[in-house]
Amino acid sequence: VPASEKAGMSQVVWSPLAQGVLSGKYRPGEPPPSGSRALDEVGST
């Protein structure tokens, strides 16, 4: 961020929800909900 500010650059950020974890849908001690990224072959990684 300091280097970007010096260079006149902004951030356009990806994964603001931490791959959906910050939405609250993944609960401690419970399996991932059906259809979630955690169960997708690519997204789970």
PDB file of all heavy atoms in Angstrom:
ATOM      1  N   VAL A   1       0.822  -1.212   0.000  1.00  0.00           N
ATOM      2  CA  VAL A   1       0.000   0.000   0.000  1.00  0.00           C
ATOM      3  C   VAL A   1       0.858   1.266   0.000  1.00  0.00           C
ATOM      4  O   VAL A   1       0.627   2.171  -0.813  1.00  0.00           O
ATOM      5  CB  VAL A   1      -1.004  -0.003   1.174  1.00  0.00           C
ATOM      6  CG1 VAL A   1      -1.611   1.384   1.368  1.00  0.00           C
ATOM      7  CG2 VAL A   1      -2.113  -1.025   0.917  1.00  0.00           C
ATOM      8  N   PRO A   2       1.876   1.394   0.865  1.00  0.00           N
ATOM      9  CA  PRO A   2       2.738   2.590   0.791  1.00  0.00           C
ATOM     10  C   PRO A   2       3.429   2.741  -0.564  1.00  0.00           C
ATOM     11  O   PRO A   2       3.527   3.864  -1.091  1.00  0.00           O
ATOM     12  CB  PRO A   2       3.756   2.356   1.915  1.00  0.00           C
ATOM     13  CG  PRO A   2       3.046   1.488   2.891  1.00  0.00           C
ATOM     14  CD  PRO A   2       2.214   0.575   2.055  1.00  0.00           C
ATOM     15  N   ALA A   3       3.919   1.641  -1.143  1.00  0.00           N
ATOM     16  CA  ALA A   3       4.560   1.716  -2.456  1.00  0.00           C
ATOM     17  C   ALA A   3       3.563   2.137  -3.528  1.00  0.00           C
ATOM     18  O   ALA A   3       3.899   2.908  -4.444  1.00  0.00           O
ATOM     19  CB  ALA A   3       5.179   0.368  -2.816  1.00  0.00           C
ATOM     20  N   SER A   4       2.329   1.656  -3.418  1.00  0.00           N
ATOM     21  CA  SER A   4       1.286   2.022  -4.384  1.00  0.00           C
ATOM     22  C   SER A   4       0.929   3.499  -4.263  1.00  0.00           C
ATOM     23  O   SER A   4       0.769   4.194  -5.274  1.00  0.00           O
ATOM     24  CB  SER A   4       0.045   1.158  -4.163  1.00  0.00           C
ATOM     25  OG  SER A   4       0.315  -0.208  -4.397  1.00  0.00           O
ATOM     26  N   GLU A   5       0.795   3.972  -3.039  1.00  0.00           N
ATOM     27  CA  GLU A   5       0.481   5.386  -2.840  1.00  0.00           C
ATOM     28  C   GLU A   5       1.568   6.271  -3.443  1.00  0.00           C
ATOM     29  O   GLU A   5       1.279   7.286  -4.085  1.00  0.00           O
ATOM     30  CB  GLU A   5       0.309   5.673  -1.350  1.00  0.00           C
ATOM     31  CG  GLU A   5      -0.938   5.036  -0.758  1.00  0.00           C
ATOM     32  CD  GLU A   5      -1.036   5.192   0.743  1.00  0.00           C
ATOM     33  OE1 GLU A   5       0.014   5.388   1.395  1.00  0.00           O
ATOM     34  OE2 GLU A   5      -2.152   5.109   1.282  1.00  0.00           O
ATOM     35  N   LYS A   6       2.807   5.870  -3.257  1.00  0.00           N
ATOM     36  CA  LYS A   6       3.929   6.638  -3.812  1.00  0.00           C
ATOM     37  C   LYS A   6       3.905   6.636  -5.339  1.00  0.00           C
ATOM     38  O   LYS A   6       4.277   7.617  -5.980  1.00  0.00           O
ATOM     39  CB  LYS A   6       5.244   6.051  -3.305  1.00  0.00           C
ATOM     40  CG  LYS A   6       6.485   6.836  -3.723  1.00  0.00           C
ATOM     41  CD  LYS A   6       7.742   6.242  -3.110  1.00  0.00           C
ATOM     42  CE  LYS A   6       8.980   7.031  -3.513  1.00  0.00           C
ATOM     43  NZ  LYS A   6      10.222   6.434  -2.917  1.00  0.00           N
ATOM     44  N   ALA A   7       3.443   5.532  -5.924  1.00  0.00           N
ATOM     45  CA  ALA A   7       3.392   5.394  -7.381  1.00  0.00           C
ATOM     46  C   ALA A   7       2.089   5.908  -7.980  1.00  0.00           C
ATOM     47  O   ALA A   7       1.898   5.823  -9.194  1.00  0.00           O
ATOM     48  CB  ALA A   7       3.590   3.928  -7.764  1.00  0.00           C
ATOM     49  N   GLY A   8       1.171   6.408  -7.168  1.00  0.00           N
ATOM     50  CA  GLY A   8      -0.104   6.917  -7.681  1.00  0.00           C
ATOM     51  C   GLY A   8      -1.076   5.832  -8.050  1.00  0.00           C
ATOM     52  O   GLY A   8      -1.890   5.997  -8.974  1.00  0.00           O
ATOM     53  N   MET A   9      -1.030   4.705  -7.310  1.00  0.00           N
ATOM     54  CA  MET A   9      -1.865   3.551  -7.620  1.00  0.00           C
ATOM     55  C   MET A   9      -2.858   3.258  -6.505  1.00  0.00           C
ATOM     56  O   MET A   9      -2.553   3.432  -5.329  1.00  0.00           O
ATOM     57  CB  MET A   9      -0.987   2.310  -7.842  1.00  0.00           C
ATOM     58  CG  MET A   9      -0.032   2.430  -9.019  1.00  0.00           C
ATOM     59  SD  MET A   9       1.275   1.147  -8.989  1.00  0.00           S
ATOM     60  CE  MET A   9       0.300  -0.362  -9.089  1.00  0.00           C
ATOM     61  N   SER A  10      -4.045   2.789  -6.895  1.00  0.00           N
ATOM     62  CA  SER A  10      -5.054   2.300  -5.954  1.00  0.00           C
ATOM     63  C   SER A  10      -5.010   0.782  -5.904  1.00  0.00           C
ATOM     64  O   SER A  10      -4.400   0.129  -6.757  1.00  0.00           O
ATOM     65  CB  SER A  10      -6.462   2.714  -6.397  1.00  0.00           C
ATOM     66  OG  SER A  10      -6.631   4.095  -6.400  1.00  0.00           O
ATOM     67  N   GLN A  11      -5.713   0.217  -4.913  1.00  0.00           N
ATOM     68  CA  GLN A  11      -5.951  -1.219  -4.859  1.00  0.00           C
ATOM     69  C   GLN A  11      -7.372  -1.514  -5.351  1.00  0.00           C
ATOM     70  O   GLN A  11      -8.311  -0.813  -4.988  1.00  0.00           O
ATOM     71  CB  GLN A  11      -5.807  -1.752  -3.428  1.00  0.00           C
ATOM     72  CG  GLN A  11      -4.547  -1.324  -2.710  1.00  0.00           C
ATOM     73  CD  GLN A  11      -3.281  -1.740  -3.409  1.00  0.00           C
ATOM     74  OE1 GLN A  11      -3.144  -2.887  -3.828  1.00  0.00           O
ATOM     75  NE2 GLN A  11      -2.334  -0.809  -3.546  1.00  0.00           N
ATOM     76  N   VAL A  12      -7.492  -2.533  -6.186  1.00  0.00           N
ATOM     77  CA  VAL A  12      -8.791  -3.098  -6.564  1.00  0.00           C
ATOM     78  C   VAL A  12      -8.750  -4.527  -6.033  1.00  0.00           C
ATOM     79  O   VAL A  12      -8.083  -5.382  -6.613  1.00  0.00           O
ATOM     80  CB  VAL A  12      -9.015  -3.074  -8.080  1.00  0.00           C
ATOM     81  CG1 VAL A  12     -10.335  -3.751  -8.444  1.00  0.00           C
ATOM     82  CG2 VAL A  12      -8.993  -1.637  -8.603  1.00  0.00           C
ATOM     83  N   VAL A  13      -9.411  -4.789  -4.933  1.00  0.00           N
ATOM     84  CA  VAL A  13      -9.110  -6.008  -4.176  1.00  0.00           C
ATOM     85  C   VAL A  13     -10.012  -7.183  -4.553  1.00  0.00           C
ATOM     86  O   VAL A  13     -11.194  -7.012  -4.838  1.00  0.00           O
ATOM     87  CB  VAL A  13      -9.189  -5.756  -2.660  1.00  0.00           C
ATOM     88  CG1 VAL A  13      -8.269  -4.601  -2.277  1.00  0.00           C
ATOM     89  CG2 VAL A  13     -10.606  -5.446  -2.194  1.00  0.00           C
ATOM     90  N   TRP A  14      -9.408  -8.380  -4.549  1.00  0.00           N
ATOM     91  CA  TRP A  14     -10.189  -9.587  -4.774  1.00  0.00           C
ATOM     92  C   TRP A  14     -10.297 -10.372  -3.467  1.00  0.00           C
ATOM     93  O   TRP A  14      -9.519 -10.182  -2.559  1.00  0.00           O
ATOM     94  CB  TRP A  14      -9.608 -10.446  -5.885  1.00  0.00           C
ATOM     95  CG  TRP A  14      -8.202 -10.973  -5.728  1.00  0.00           C
ATOM     96  CD1 TRP A  14      -7.045 -10.342  -6.067  1.00  0.00           C
ATOM     97  CD2 TRP A  14      -7.813 -12.264  -5.231  1.00  0.00           C
ATOM     98  NE1 TRP A  14      -5.956 -11.139  -5.814  1.00  0.00           N
ATOM     99  CE2 TRP A  14      -6.403 -12.336  -5.298  1.00  0.00           C
ATOM    100  CE3 TRP A  14      -8.518 -13.363  -4.749  1.00  0.00           C
ATOM    101  CZ2 TRP A  14      -5.682 -13.458  -4.892  1.00  0.00           C
ATOM    102  CZ3 TRP A  14      -7.807 -14.487  -4.340  1.00  0.00           C
ATOM    103  CH2 TRP A  14      -6.409 -14.528  -4.424  1.00  0.00           C
ATOM    104  N   SER A  15     -11.316 -11.189  -3.396  1.00  0.00           N
ATOM    105  CA  SER A  15     -11.639 -11.998  -2.213  1.00  0.00           C
ATOM    106  C   SER A  15     -11.891 -11.170  -0.963  1.00  0.00           C
ATOM    107  O   SER A  15     -11.373 -11.486   0.108  1.00  0.00           O
ATOM    108  CB  SER A  15     -10.528 -13.021  -1.933  1.00  0.00           C
ATOM    109  OG  SER A  15     -10.968 -14.028  -1.053  1.00  0.00           O
ATOM    110  N   PRO A  16     -12.706 -10.112  -1.050  1.00  0.00           N
ATOM    111  CA  PRO A  16     -13.016  -9.345   0.165  1.00  0.00           C
ATOM    112  C   PRO A  16     -13.780 -10.160   1.201  1.00  0.00           C
ATOM    113  O   PRO A  16     -13.793  -9.799   2.378  1.00  0.00           O
ATOM    114  CB  PRO A  16     -13.859  -8.176  -0.364  1.00  0.00           C
ATOM    115  CG  PRO A  16     -14.480  -8.697  -1.621  1.00  0.00           C
ATOM    116  CD  PRO A  16     -13.422  -9.584  -2.224  1.00  0.00           C
ATOM    117  N   LEU A  17     -14.398 -11.267   0.766  1.00  0.00           N
ATOM    118  CA  LEU A  17     -15.134 -12.135   1.692  1.00  0.00           C
ATOM    119  C   LEU A  17     -14.313 -13.355   2.108  1.00  0.00           C
ATOM    120  O   LEU A  17     -14.857 -14.276   2.722  1.00  0.00           O
ATOM    121  CB  LEU A  17     -16.447 -12.606   1.058  1.00  0.00           C
ATOM    122  CG  LEU A  17     -17.464 -11.525   0.704  1.00  0.00           C
ATOM    123  CD1 LEU A  17     -18.704 -12.162   0.092  1.00  0.00           C
ATOM    124  CD2 LEU A  17     -17.833 -10.711   1.916  1.00  0.00           C
ATOM    125  N   ALA A  18     -13.008 -13.356   1.788  1.00  0.00           N
ATOM    126  CA  ALA A  18     -12.157 -14.501   2.115  1.00  0.00           C
ATOM    127  C   ALA A  18     -12.784 -15.792   1.596  1.00  0.00           C
ATOM    128  O   ALA A  18     -12.996 -16.758   2.332  1.00  0.00           O
ATOM    129  CB  ALA A  18     -11.890 -14.576   3.616  1.00  0.00           C
ATOM    130  N   GLN A  19     -13.100 -15.796   0.300  1.00  0.00           N
ATOM    131  CA  GLN A  19     -13.706 -16.954  -0.357  1.00  0.00           C
ATOM    132  C   GLN A  19     -15.022 -17.378   0.296  1.00  0.00           C
ATOM    133  O   GLN A  19     -15.388 -18.550   0.302  1.00  0.00           O
ATOM    134  CB  GLN A  19     -12.725 -18.127  -0.372  1.00  0.00           C
ATOM    135  CG  GLN A  19     -11.412 -17.826  -1.059  1.00  0.00           C
ATOM    136  CD  GLN A  19     -11.607 -17.451  -2.526  1.00  0.00           C
ATOM    137  OE1 GLN A  19     -12.305 -18.132  -3.261  1.00  0.00           O
ATOM    138  NE2 GLN A  19     -11.003 -16.357  -2.954  1.00  0.00           N
ATOM    139  N   GLY A  20     -15.745 -16.408   0.838  1.00  0.00           N
ATOM    140  CA  GLY A  20     -17.052 -16.675   1.427  1.00  0.00           C
ATOM    141  C   GLY A  20     -17.025 -16.943   2.919  1.00  0.00           C
ATOM    142  O   GLY A  20     -18.083 -16.958   3.562  1.00  0.00           O
ATOM    143  N   VAL A  21     -15.840 -17.108   3.499  1.00  0.00           N
ATOM    144  CA  VAL A  21     -15.754 -17.409   4.927  1.00  0.00           C
ATOM    145  C   VAL A  21     -16.308 -16.260   5.762  1.00  0.00           C
ATOM    146  O   VAL A  21     -16.987 -16.473   6.780  1.00  0.00           O
ATOM    147  CB  VAL A  21     -14.295 -17.716   5.324  1.00  0.00           C
ATOM    148  CG1 VAL A  21     -14.133 -17.772   6.835  1.00  0.00           C
ATOM    149  CG2 VAL A  21     -13.864 -19.049   4.703  1.00  0.00           C
ATOM    150  N   LEU A  22     -16.053 -15.020   5.343  1.00  0.00           N
ATOM    151  CA  LEU A  22     -16.508 -13.864   6.116  1.00  0.00           C
ATOM    152  C   LEU A  22     -18.002 -13.597   5.965  1.00  0.00           C
ATOM    153  O   LEU A  22     -18.536 -12.692   6.621  1.00  0.00           O
ATOM    154  CB  LEU A  22     -15.696 -12.625   5.735  1.00  0.00           C
ATOM    155  CG  LEU A  22     -14.228 -12.665   6.175  1.00  0.00           C
ATOM    156  CD1 LEU A  22     -13.450 -11.498   5.572  1.00  0.00           C
ATOM    157  CD2 LEU A  22     -14.122 -12.645   7.699  1.00  0.00           C
ATOM    158  N   SER A  23     -18.670 -14.376   5.120  1.00  0.00           N
ATOM    159  CA  SER A  23     -20.137 -14.253   5.042  1.00  0.00           C
ATOM    160  C   SER A  23     -20.804 -14.949   6.223  1.00  0.00           C
ATOM    161  O   SER A  23     -21.998 -14.788   6.450  1.00  0.00           O
ATOM    162  CB  SER A  23     -20.650 -14.860   3.734  1.00  0.00           C
ATOM    163  OG  SER A  23     -20.543 -16.280   3.758  1.00  0.00           O
ATOM    164  N   GLY A  24     -20.027 -15.769   6.946  1.00  0.00           N
ATOM    165  CA  GLY A  24     -20.574 -16.482   8.100  1.00  0.00           C
ATOM    166  C   GLY A  24     -21.221 -17.813   7.781  1.00  0.00           C
ATOM    167  O   GLY A  24     -21.773 -18.461   8.673  1.00  0.00           O
ATOM    168  N   LYS A  25     -21.135 -18.258   6.518  1.00  0.00           N
ATOM    169  CA  LYS A  25     -21.843 -19.497   6.169  1.00  0.00           C
ATOM    170  C   LYS A  25     -21.099 -20.756   6.606  1.00  0.00           C
ATOM    171  O   LYS A  25     -21.688 -21.835   6.670  1.00  0.00           O
ATOM    172  CB  LYS A  25     -22.129 -19.551   4.679  1.00  0.00           C
ATOM    173  CG  LYS A  25     -20.910 -19.607   3.771  1.00  0.00           C
ATOM    174  CD  LYS A  25     -21.373 -19.612   2.323  1.00  0.00           C
ATOM    175  CE  LYS A  25     -20.243 -19.413   1.346  1.00  0.00           C
ATOM    176  NZ  LYS A  25     -20.742 -19.324  -0.050  1.00  0.00           N
ATOM    177  N   TYR A  26     -19.807 -20.624   6.885  1.00  0.00           N
ATOM    178  CA  TYR A  26     -19.046 -21.764   7.390  1.00  0.00           C
ATOM    179  C   TYR A  26     -18.994 -21.672   8.907  1.00  0.00           C
ATOM    180  O   TYR A  26     -18.461 -20.712   9.465  1.00  0.00           O
ATOM    181  CB  TYR A  26     -17.632 -21.765   6.818  1.00  0.00           C
ATOM    182  CG  TYR A  26     -17.586 -21.883   5.309  1.00  0.00           C
ATOM    183  CD1 TYR A  26     -17.342 -20.764   4.510  1.00  0.00           C
ATOM    184  CD2 TYR A  26     -17.794 -23.113   4.689  1.00  0.00           C
ATOM    185  CE1 TYR A  26     -17.298 -20.864   3.131  1.00  0.00           C
ATOM    186  CE2 TYR A  26     -17.754 -23.223   3.295  1.00  0.00           C
ATOM    187  CZ  TYR A  26     -17.502 -22.098   2.532  1.00  0.00           C
ATOM    188  OH  TYR A  26     -17.473 -22.206   1.158  1.00  0.00           O
ATOM    189  N   ARG A  27     -19.553 -22.664   9.586  1.00  0.00           N
ATOM    190  CA  ARG A  27     -19.676 -22.621  11.037  1.00  0.00           C
ATOM    191  C   ARG A  27     -18.686 -23.578  11.673  1.00  0.00           C
ATOM    192  O   ARG A  27     -18.486 -24.698  11.191  1.00  0.00           O
ATOM    193  CB  ARG A  27     -21.097 -23.009  11.459  1.00  0.00           C
ATOM    194  CG  ARG A  27     -22.188 -22.231  10.748  1.00  0.00           C
ATOM    195  CD  ARG A  27     -22.180 -20.778  11.147  1.00  0.00           C
ATOM    196  NE  ARG A  27     -22.523 -20.604  12.558  1.00  0.00           N
ATOM    197  CZ  ARG A  27     -22.543 -19.436  13.169  1.00  0.00           C
ATOM    198  NH1 ARG A  27     -22.182 -18.343  12.518  1.00  0.00           N
ATOM    199  NH2 ARG A  27     -22.886 -19.360  14.443  1.00  0.00           N
ATOM    200  N   PRO A  28     -18.058 -23.167  12.779  1.00  0.00           N
ATOM    201  CA  PRO A  28     -17.102 -24.055  13.443  1.00  0.00           C
ATOM    202  C   PRO A  28     -17.754 -25.348  13.907  1.00  0.00           C
ATOM    203  O   PRO A  28     -18.841 -25.337  14.482  1.00  0.00           O
ATOM    204  CB  PRO A  28     -16.598 -23.222  14.630  1.00  0.00           C
ATOM    205  CG  PRO A  28     -17.620 -22.140  14.819  1.00  0.00           C
ATOM    206  CD  PRO A  28     -18.199 -21.874  13.475  1.00  0.00           C
ATOM    207  N   GLY A  29     -17.093 -26.483  13.595  1.00  0.00           N
ATOM    208  CA  GLY A  29     -17.608 -27.769  14.016  1.00  0.00           C
ATOM    209  C   GLY A  29     -18.698 -28.347  13.147  1.00  0.00           C
ATOM    210  O   GLY A  29     -19.224 -29.422  13.434  1.00  0.00           O
ATOM    211  N   GLU A  30     -19.054 -27.636  12.055  1.00  0.00           N
ATOM    212  CA  GLU A  30     -20.111 -28.111  11.164  1.00  0.00           C
ATOM    213  C   GLU A  30     -19.546 -28.336   9.763  1.00  0.00           C
ATOM    214  O   GLU A  30     -18.595 -27.660   9.357  1.00  0.00           O
ATOM    215  CB  GLU A  30     -21.264 -27.096  11.090  1.00  0.00           C
ATOM    216  CG  GLU A  30     -21.951 -26.842  12.428  1.00  0.00           C
ATOM    217  CD  GLU A  30     -23.070 -25.825  12.305  1.00  0.00           C
ATOM    218  OE1 GLU A  30     -23.420 -25.451  11.159  1.00  0.00           O
ATOM    219  OE2 GLU A  30     -23.592 -25.395  13.350  1.00  0.00           O
ATOM    220  N   PRO A  31     -20.105 -29.269   8.981  1.00  0.00           N
ATOM    221  CA  PRO A  31     -19.638 -29.469   7.605  1.00  0.00           C
ATOM    222  C   PRO A  31     -20.002 -28.273   6.735  1.00  0.00           C
ATOM    223  O   PRO A  31     -20.960 -27.543   7.037  1.00  0.00           O
ATOM    224  CB  PRO A  31     -20.393 -30.732   7.163  1.00  0.00           C
ATOM    225  CG  PRO A  31     -21.615 -30.772   8.025  1.00  0.00           C
ATOM    226  CD  PRO A  31     -21.200 -30.191   9.357  1.00  0.00           C
ATOM    227  N   PRO A  32     -19.249 -28.022   5.659  1.00  0.00           N
ATOM    228  CA  PRO A  32     -19.574 -26.911   4.746  1.00  0.00           C
ATOM    229  C   PRO A  32     -20.978 -27.067   4.184  1.00  0.00           C
ATOM    230  O   PRO A  32     -21.434 -28.186   3.932  1.00  0.00           O
ATOM    231  CB  PRO A  32     -18.523 -27.038   3.643  1.00  0.00           C
ATOM    232  CG  PRO A  32     -17.401 -27.804   4.264  1.00  0.00           C
ATOM    233  CD  PRO A  32     -18.052 -28.754   5.228  1.00  0.00           C
ATOM    234  N   PRO A  33     -21.696 -25.976   4.004  1.00  0.00           N
ATOM    235  CA  PRO A  33     -23.050 -26.071   3.459  1.00  0.00           C
ATOM    236  C   PRO A  33     -23.058 -26.576   2.022  1.00  0.00           C
ATOM    237  O   PRO A  33     -22.098 -26.372   1.272  1.00  0.00           O
ATOM    238  CB  PRO A  33     -23.571 -24.630   3.548  1.00  0.00           C
ATOM    239  CG  PRO A  33     -22.350 -23.777   3.627  1.00  0.00           C
ATOM    240  CD  PRO A  33     -21.311 -24.581   4.323  1.00  0.00           C
ATOM    241  N   SER A  34     -24.133 -27.227   1.649  1.00  0.00           N
ATOM    242  CA  SER A  34     -24.280 -27.753   0.300  1.00  0.00           C
ATOM    243  C   SER A  34     -24.180 -26.637  -0.734  1.00  0.00           C
ATOM    244  O   SER A  34     -24.754 -25.562  -0.555  1.00  0.00           O
ATOM    245  CB  SER A  34     -25.636 -28.459   0.168  1.00  0.00           C
ATOM    246  OG  SER A  34     -25.851 -28.888  -1.154  1.00  0.00           O
ATOM    247  N   GLY A  35     -23.428 -26.895  -1.803  1.00  0.00           N
ATOM    248  CA  GLY A  35     -23.282 -25.915  -2.875  1.00  0.00           C
ATOM    249  C   GLY A  35     -22.245 -24.860  -2.615  1.00  0.00           C
ATOM    250  O   GLY A  35     -22.045 -23.967  -3.450  1.00  0.00           O
ATOM    251  N   SER A  36     -21.539 -24.920  -1.487  1.00  0.00           N
ATOM    252  CA  SER A  36     -20.545 -23.899  -1.157  1.00  0.00           C
ATOM    253  C   SER A  36     -19.238 -24.157  -1.893  1.00  0.00           C
ATOM    254  O   SER A  36     -18.978 -25.254  -2.403  1.00  0.00           O
ATOM    255  CB  SER A  36     -20.294 -23.872   0.352  1.00  0.00           C
ATOM    256  OG  SER A  36     -19.682 -25.076   0.779  1.00  0.00           O
ATOM    257  N   ARG A  37     -18.384 -23.141  -1.923  1.00  0.00           N
ATOM    258  CA  ARG A  37     -17.106 -23.240  -2.627  1.00  0.00           C
ATOM    259  C   ARG A  37     -16.208 -24.306  -2.008  1.00  0.00           C
ATOM    260  O   ARG A  37     -15.388 -24.916  -2.691  1.00  0.00           O
ATOM    261  CB  ARG A  37     -16.411 -21.879  -2.608  1.00  0.00           C
ATOM    262  CG  ARG A  37     -15.117 -21.817  -3.392  1.00  0.00           C
ATOM    263  CD  ARG A  37     -14.711 -20.395  -3.676  1.00  0.00           C
ATOM    264  NE  ARG A  37     -15.656 -19.760  -4.595  1.00  0.00           N
ATOM    265  CZ  ARG A  37     -15.598 -18.480  -4.954  1.00  0.00           C
ATOM    266  NH1 ARG A  37     -14.671 -17.696  -4.438  1.00  0.00           N
ATOM    267  NH2 ARG A  37     -16.474 -17.973  -5.801  1.00  0.00           N
ATOM    268  N   ALA A  38     -16.361 -24.550  -0.719  1.00  0.00           N
ATOM    269  CA  ALA A  38     -15.526 -25.547  -0.048  1.00  0.00           C
ATOM    270  C   ALA A  38     -15.756 -26.944  -0.595  1.00  0.00           C
ATOM    271  O   ALA A  38     -14.908 -27.830  -0.421  1.00  0.00           O
ATOM    272  CB  ALA A  38     -15.794 -25.528   1.455  1.00  0.00           C
ATOM    273  N   LEU A  39     -16.882 -27.174  -1.255  1.00  0.00           N
ATOM    274  CA  LEU A  39     -17.188 -28.483  -1.817  1.00  0.00           C
ATOM    275  C   LEU A  39     -16.959 -28.530  -3.323  1.00  0.00           C
ATOM    276  O   LEU A  39     -17.186 -29.572  -3.951  1.00  0.00           O
ATOM    277  CB  LEU A  39     -18.648 -28.855  -1.506  1.00  0.00           C
ATOM    278  CG  LEU A  39     -18.993 -28.955  -0.019  1.00  0.00           C
ATOM    279  CD1 LEU A  39     -20.481 -29.253   0.156  1.00  0.00           C
ATOM    280  CD2 LEU A  39     -18.148 -30.025   0.668  1.00  0.00           C
ATOM    281  N   ASP A  40     -16.502 -27.426  -3.905  1.00  0.00           N
ATOM    282  CA  ASP A  40     -16.242 -27.363  -5.340  1.00  0.00           C
ATOM    283  C   ASP A  40     -14.820 -27.848  -5.610  1.00  0.00           C
ATOM    284  O   ASP A  40     -13.885 -27.527  -4.879  1.00  0.00           O
ATOM    285  CB  ASP A  40     -16.415 -25.931  -5.851  1.00  0.00           C
ATOM    286  CG  ASP A  40     -16.118 -25.807  -7.332  1.00  0.00           C
ATOM    287  OD1 ASP A  40     -16.981 -26.194  -8.135  1.00  0.00           O
ATOM    288  OD2 ASP A  40     -15.021 -25.318  -7.673  1.00  0.00           O
ATOM    289  N   GLU A  41     -14.643 -28.604  -6.669  1.00  0.00           N
ATOM    290  CA  GLU A  41     -13.344 -29.205  -6.968  1.00  0.00           C
ATOM    291  C   GLU A  41     -12.248 -28.163  -7.128  1.00  0.00           C
ATOM    292  O   GLU A  41     -11.120 -28.341  -6.656  1.00  0.00           O
ATOM    293  CB  GLU A  41     -13.446 -30.050  -8.245  1.00  0.00           C
ATOM    294  CG  GLU A  41     -12.148 -30.758  -8.607  1.00  0.00           C
ATOM    295  CD  GLU A  41     -12.290 -31.628  -9.856  1.00  0.00           C
ATOM    296  OE1 GLU A  41     -13.419 -31.725 -10.379  1.00  0.00           O
ATOM    297  OE2 GLU A  41     -11.279 -32.190 -10.289  1.00  0.00           O
ATOM    298  N   VAL A  42     -12.549 -27.038  -7.783  1.00  0.00           N
ATOM    299  CA  VAL A  42     -11.559 -25.983  -7.986  1.00  0.00           C
ATOM    300  C   VAL A  42     -11.554 -24.997  -6.818  1.00  0.00           C
ATOM    301  O   VAL A  42     -10.513 -24.671  -6.252  1.00  0.00           O
ATOM    302  CB  VAL A  42     -11.824 -25.232  -9.303  1.00  0.00           C
ATOM    303  CG1 VAL A  42     -10.846 -24.086  -9.470  1.00  0.00           C
ATOM    304  CG2 VAL A  42     -11.703 -26.193 -10.490  1.00  0.00           C
ATOM    305  N   GLY A  43     -12.720 -24.538  -6.439  1.00  0.00           N
ATOM    306  CA  GLY A  43     -12.812 -23.509  -5.406  1.00  0.00           C
ATOM    307  C   GLY A  43     -12.295 -23.941  -4.052  1.00  0.00           C
ATOM    308  O   GLY A  43     -11.803 -23.122  -3.266  1.00  0.00           O
ATOM    309  N   SER A  44     -12.368 -25.239  -3.753  1.00  0.00           N
ATOM    310  CA  SER A  44     -11.964 -25.710  -2.430  1.00  0.00           C
ATOM    311  C   SER A  44     -10.494 -25.460  -2.148  1.00  0.00           C
ATOM    312  O   SER A  44     -10.085 -25.271  -0.997  1.00  0.00           O
ATOM    313  CB  SER A  44     -12.272 -27.198  -2.290  1.00  0.00           C
ATOM    314  OG  SER A  44     -11.548 -27.965  -3.244  1.00  0.00           O
ATOM    315  N   THR A  45      -9.678 -25.436  -3.194  1.00  0.00           N
ATOM    316  CA  THR A  45      -8.245 -25.222  -2.980  1.00  0.00           C
ATOM    317  C   THR A  45      -7.951 -23.811  -2.486  1.00  0.00           C
ATOM    318  O   THR A  45      -6.909 -23.575  -1.870  1.00  0.00           O
ATOM    319  CB  THR A  45      -7.462 -25.470  -4.279  1.00  0.00           C
ATOM    320  OG1 THR A  45      -7.893 -24.543  -5.284  1.00  0.00           O
ATOM    321  CG2 THR A  45      -7.682 -26.889  -4.775  1.00  0.00           C
TER     322      THR A  45
END
